N, C-alpha and C. Protein backbone atom coordinates (compact mmCIF):
# COMPACT_ATOMS: atom_id res chain seq x y z
N MET A 1 7.02 5.76 -11.24
CA MET A 1 6.07 5.65 -10.14
C MET A 1 6.57 4.56 -9.20
N ASP A 2 6.56 4.88 -7.91
CA ASP A 2 6.94 3.93 -6.88
C ASP A 2 5.71 3.62 -6.04
N VAL A 3 5.47 2.33 -5.79
CA VAL A 3 4.33 1.89 -4.99
C VAL A 3 4.85 1.04 -3.85
N ILE A 4 4.49 1.43 -2.63
CA ILE A 4 4.85 0.65 -1.45
C ILE A 4 3.56 0.24 -0.76
N VAL A 5 3.45 -1.05 -0.45
CA VAL A 5 2.28 -1.58 0.23
C VAL A 5 2.72 -2.13 1.58
N TYR A 6 2.13 -1.59 2.64
CA TYR A 6 2.42 -2.05 3.99
C TYR A 6 1.37 -3.09 4.37
N THR A 7 1.82 -4.27 4.81
CA THR A 7 0.93 -5.40 5.04
C THR A 7 1.31 -6.14 6.32
N THR A 8 0.45 -7.13 6.66
CA THR A 8 0.77 -8.13 7.67
C THR A 8 0.44 -9.50 7.08
N ALA A 9 0.97 -10.53 7.70
CA ALA A 9 0.78 -11.89 7.19
C ALA A 9 -0.66 -12.38 7.28
N THR A 10 -1.40 -11.91 8.27
CA THR A 10 -2.75 -12.45 8.51
C THR A 10 -3.87 -11.57 7.97
N CYS A 11 -3.56 -10.56 7.22
CA CYS A 11 -4.56 -9.59 6.73
C CYS A 11 -5.14 -10.05 5.38
N PRO A 12 -6.44 -10.41 5.34
CA PRO A 12 -7.02 -10.84 4.06
C PRO A 12 -7.10 -9.71 3.04
N PHE A 13 -7.31 -8.48 3.49
CA PHE A 13 -7.38 -7.35 2.56
C PHE A 13 -6.01 -7.05 1.96
N CYS A 14 -4.96 -7.33 2.72
CA CYS A 14 -3.60 -7.17 2.19
C CYS A 14 -3.37 -8.15 1.04
N ASN A 15 -3.82 -9.38 1.22
CA ASN A 15 -3.69 -10.38 0.16
C ASN A 15 -4.50 -9.98 -1.07
N MET A 16 -5.70 -9.44 -0.86
CA MET A 16 -6.52 -8.99 -1.99
C MET A 16 -5.83 -7.86 -2.74
N LEU A 17 -5.22 -6.93 -1.99
CA LEU A 17 -4.55 -5.79 -2.61
C LEU A 17 -3.33 -6.24 -3.42
N THR A 18 -2.49 -7.09 -2.85
CA THR A 18 -1.31 -7.52 -3.59
C THR A 18 -1.70 -8.32 -4.84
N LYS A 19 -2.74 -9.13 -4.75
CA LYS A 19 -3.22 -9.85 -5.92
C LYS A 19 -3.74 -8.88 -6.98
N TYR A 20 -4.49 -7.86 -6.57
CA TYR A 20 -5.00 -6.84 -7.48
C TYR A 20 -3.83 -6.19 -8.24
N LEU A 21 -2.80 -5.77 -7.50
CA LEU A 21 -1.66 -5.12 -8.13
C LEU A 21 -0.94 -6.05 -9.10
N GLU A 22 -0.76 -7.30 -8.70
CA GLU A 22 -0.12 -8.28 -9.59
C GLU A 22 -0.96 -8.50 -10.84
N ASP A 23 -2.27 -8.63 -10.68
CA ASP A 23 -3.16 -8.85 -11.83
C ASP A 23 -3.15 -7.66 -12.80
N LYS A 24 -2.96 -6.45 -12.28
CA LYS A 24 -2.92 -5.24 -13.11
C LYS A 24 -1.53 -4.98 -13.68
N GLY A 25 -0.55 -5.79 -13.27
CA GLY A 25 0.82 -5.60 -13.76
C GLY A 25 1.51 -4.39 -13.16
N ILE A 26 1.12 -4.02 -11.96
CA ILE A 26 1.70 -2.86 -11.28
C ILE A 26 2.81 -3.35 -10.36
N GLU A 27 4.02 -2.85 -10.59
CA GLU A 27 5.15 -3.22 -9.74
C GLU A 27 5.02 -2.51 -8.40
N PHE A 28 5.33 -3.24 -7.32
CA PHE A 28 5.23 -2.66 -5.99
C PHE A 28 6.23 -3.33 -5.07
N THR A 29 6.49 -2.64 -3.96
CA THR A 29 7.32 -3.19 -2.90
C THR A 29 6.41 -3.46 -1.72
N GLU A 30 6.46 -4.67 -1.21
CA GLU A 30 5.65 -5.03 -0.04
C GLU A 30 6.53 -4.95 1.20
N LYS A 31 6.03 -4.27 2.21
CA LYS A 31 6.75 -4.16 3.48
C LYS A 31 5.83 -4.69 4.59
N ARG A 32 6.31 -5.70 5.28
CA ARG A 32 5.53 -6.36 6.33
C ARG A 32 5.76 -5.67 7.67
N VAL A 33 4.75 -4.99 8.16
CA VAL A 33 4.88 -4.24 9.41
C VAL A 33 4.81 -5.15 10.64
N ASP A 34 4.37 -6.39 10.46
CA ASP A 34 4.31 -7.31 11.60
C ASP A 34 5.65 -7.96 11.90
N THR A 35 6.59 -7.88 10.97
CA THR A 35 7.91 -8.49 11.19
C THR A 35 9.06 -7.51 10.99
N ASP A 36 8.78 -6.28 10.59
CA ASP A 36 9.82 -5.31 10.28
C ASP A 36 9.51 -3.99 11.00
N LYS A 37 10.20 -3.74 12.09
CA LYS A 37 9.96 -2.54 12.91
C LYS A 37 10.21 -1.26 12.10
N GLN A 38 11.22 -1.27 11.24
CA GLN A 38 11.52 -0.09 10.43
C GLN A 38 10.36 0.21 9.47
N ALA A 39 9.79 -0.85 8.87
CA ALA A 39 8.65 -0.67 7.98
C ALA A 39 7.46 -0.10 8.75
N GLU A 40 7.26 -0.59 9.97
CA GLU A 40 6.15 -0.07 10.80
C GLU A 40 6.35 1.42 11.07
N GLU A 41 7.56 1.82 11.39
CA GLU A 41 7.85 3.23 11.65
C GLU A 41 7.66 4.08 10.40
N GLU A 42 8.09 3.56 9.24
CA GLU A 42 7.89 4.27 7.96
C GLU A 42 6.40 4.49 7.71
N MET A 43 5.61 3.42 7.93
CA MET A 43 4.18 3.51 7.69
C MET A 43 3.54 4.54 8.61
N MET A 44 3.92 4.52 9.88
CA MET A 44 3.36 5.48 10.83
C MET A 44 3.68 6.91 10.42
N GLN A 45 4.89 7.13 9.93
CA GLN A 45 5.28 8.47 9.50
C GLN A 45 4.48 8.90 8.25
N SER A 46 4.35 8.00 7.29
CA SER A 46 3.64 8.32 6.05
C SER A 46 2.14 8.49 6.26
N SER A 47 1.60 7.76 7.25
CA SER A 47 0.15 7.75 7.45
C SER A 47 -0.32 8.72 8.52
N GLY A 48 0.62 9.41 9.17
CA GLY A 48 0.22 10.30 10.25
C GLY A 48 -0.17 9.55 11.51
N GLY A 49 0.40 8.37 11.70
CA GLY A 49 0.16 7.58 12.90
C GLY A 49 -0.86 6.47 12.75
N PHE A 50 -1.43 6.32 11.58
CA PHE A 50 -2.41 5.27 11.32
C PHE A 50 -1.71 3.92 11.31
N LEU A 51 -2.29 2.92 11.96
CA LEU A 51 -1.65 1.61 12.04
C LEU A 51 -2.41 0.50 11.32
N GLY A 52 -3.48 0.82 10.62
CA GLY A 52 -4.24 -0.22 9.92
C GLY A 52 -3.58 -0.61 8.61
N VAL A 53 -3.78 -1.85 8.21
CA VAL A 53 -3.25 -2.34 6.94
C VAL A 53 -4.39 -2.92 6.11
N PRO A 54 -4.26 -2.97 4.82
CA PRO A 54 -3.11 -2.48 4.06
C PRO A 54 -3.09 -0.96 3.98
N PHE A 55 -1.90 -0.43 3.82
CA PHE A 55 -1.70 1.00 3.62
C PHE A 55 -0.76 1.13 2.43
N THR A 56 -1.18 1.90 1.43
CA THR A 56 -0.42 2.01 0.19
C THR A 56 0.06 3.44 -0.01
N VAL A 57 1.31 3.58 -0.39
CA VAL A 57 1.91 4.87 -0.73
C VAL A 57 2.30 4.82 -2.20
N ILE A 58 1.80 5.79 -2.96
CA ILE A 58 2.09 5.86 -4.39
C ILE A 58 2.78 7.20 -4.66
N ASP A 59 4.05 7.13 -5.04
CA ASP A 59 4.81 8.32 -5.41
C ASP A 59 4.82 8.43 -6.92
N LYS A 60 4.23 9.52 -7.41
CA LYS A 60 4.18 9.79 -8.84
C LYS A 60 4.90 11.10 -9.11
N ASP A 61 5.09 11.41 -10.38
CA ASP A 61 5.77 12.66 -10.74
C ASP A 61 5.05 13.88 -10.19
N ASN A 62 3.72 13.80 -10.08
CA ASN A 62 2.94 14.96 -9.64
C ASN A 62 2.61 14.92 -8.15
N GLY A 63 3.29 14.06 -7.37
CA GLY A 63 3.07 14.06 -5.93
C GLY A 63 2.85 12.67 -5.35
N ARG A 64 2.49 12.67 -4.10
CA ARG A 64 2.30 11.43 -3.34
C ARG A 64 0.83 11.25 -3.01
N GLU A 65 0.37 10.02 -3.20
CA GLU A 65 -0.99 9.64 -2.83
C GLU A 65 -0.91 8.49 -1.84
N THR A 66 -1.86 8.43 -0.93
CA THR A 66 -1.93 7.30 0.00
C THR A 66 -3.33 6.71 -0.05
N VAL A 67 -3.39 5.41 0.20
CA VAL A 67 -4.67 4.71 0.19
C VAL A 67 -4.74 3.85 1.44
N ILE A 68 -5.78 4.05 2.23
CA ILE A 68 -6.02 3.25 3.43
C ILE A 68 -6.94 2.10 3.05
N GLY A 69 -6.54 0.89 3.38
CA GLY A 69 -7.36 -0.28 3.09
C GLY A 69 -7.25 -0.68 1.63
N PHE A 70 -8.15 -1.56 1.21
CA PHE A 70 -8.20 -2.00 -0.19
C PHE A 70 -9.37 -1.29 -0.85
N ASP A 71 -9.11 -0.07 -1.33
CA ASP A 71 -10.12 0.76 -1.98
C ASP A 71 -9.91 0.66 -3.49
N GLN A 72 -10.56 -0.33 -4.09
CA GLN A 72 -10.33 -0.64 -5.50
C GLN A 72 -10.71 0.52 -6.40
N ASN A 73 -11.78 1.22 -6.10
CA ASN A 73 -12.17 2.36 -6.94
C ASN A 73 -11.11 3.46 -6.94
N LYS A 74 -10.59 3.77 -5.76
CA LYS A 74 -9.55 4.80 -5.67
C LYS A 74 -8.28 4.33 -6.38
N LEU A 75 -7.92 3.06 -6.19
CA LEU A 75 -6.74 2.52 -6.85
C LEU A 75 -6.90 2.56 -8.37
N ASN A 76 -8.06 2.17 -8.88
CA ASN A 76 -8.31 2.23 -10.33
C ASN A 76 -8.13 3.65 -10.84
N SER A 77 -8.63 4.62 -10.09
CA SER A 77 -8.51 6.01 -10.49
C SER A 77 -7.05 6.47 -10.49
N LEU A 78 -6.32 6.11 -9.45
CA LEU A 78 -4.92 6.53 -9.35
C LEU A 78 -4.03 5.88 -10.40
N PHE A 79 -4.33 4.64 -10.73
CA PHE A 79 -3.52 3.91 -11.71
C PHE A 79 -4.05 4.04 -13.14
N GLY A 80 -5.19 4.70 -13.30
CA GLY A 80 -5.77 4.86 -14.63
C GLY A 80 -6.21 3.57 -15.24
N LYS A 81 -6.72 2.66 -14.41
CA LYS A 81 -7.15 1.33 -14.89
C LYS A 81 -8.66 1.27 -15.01
């Protein structure tokens, strides 16, 4: 499973999400869209043009899931926590 989290430096929900993932022991890659133009373009492509953060992409064996914002209930369901 690959997890990519798109964030910005000033987003409090981004900080909550990365802390949640760390606390659950879930490995992830953080991409800062405020300092990395390529990451911003990746996020726009994956999200269908959505520019809000945090935005999470989860690639699993059975497909791709995306999560807009810090939706803990959806994340718990997707990660089986």
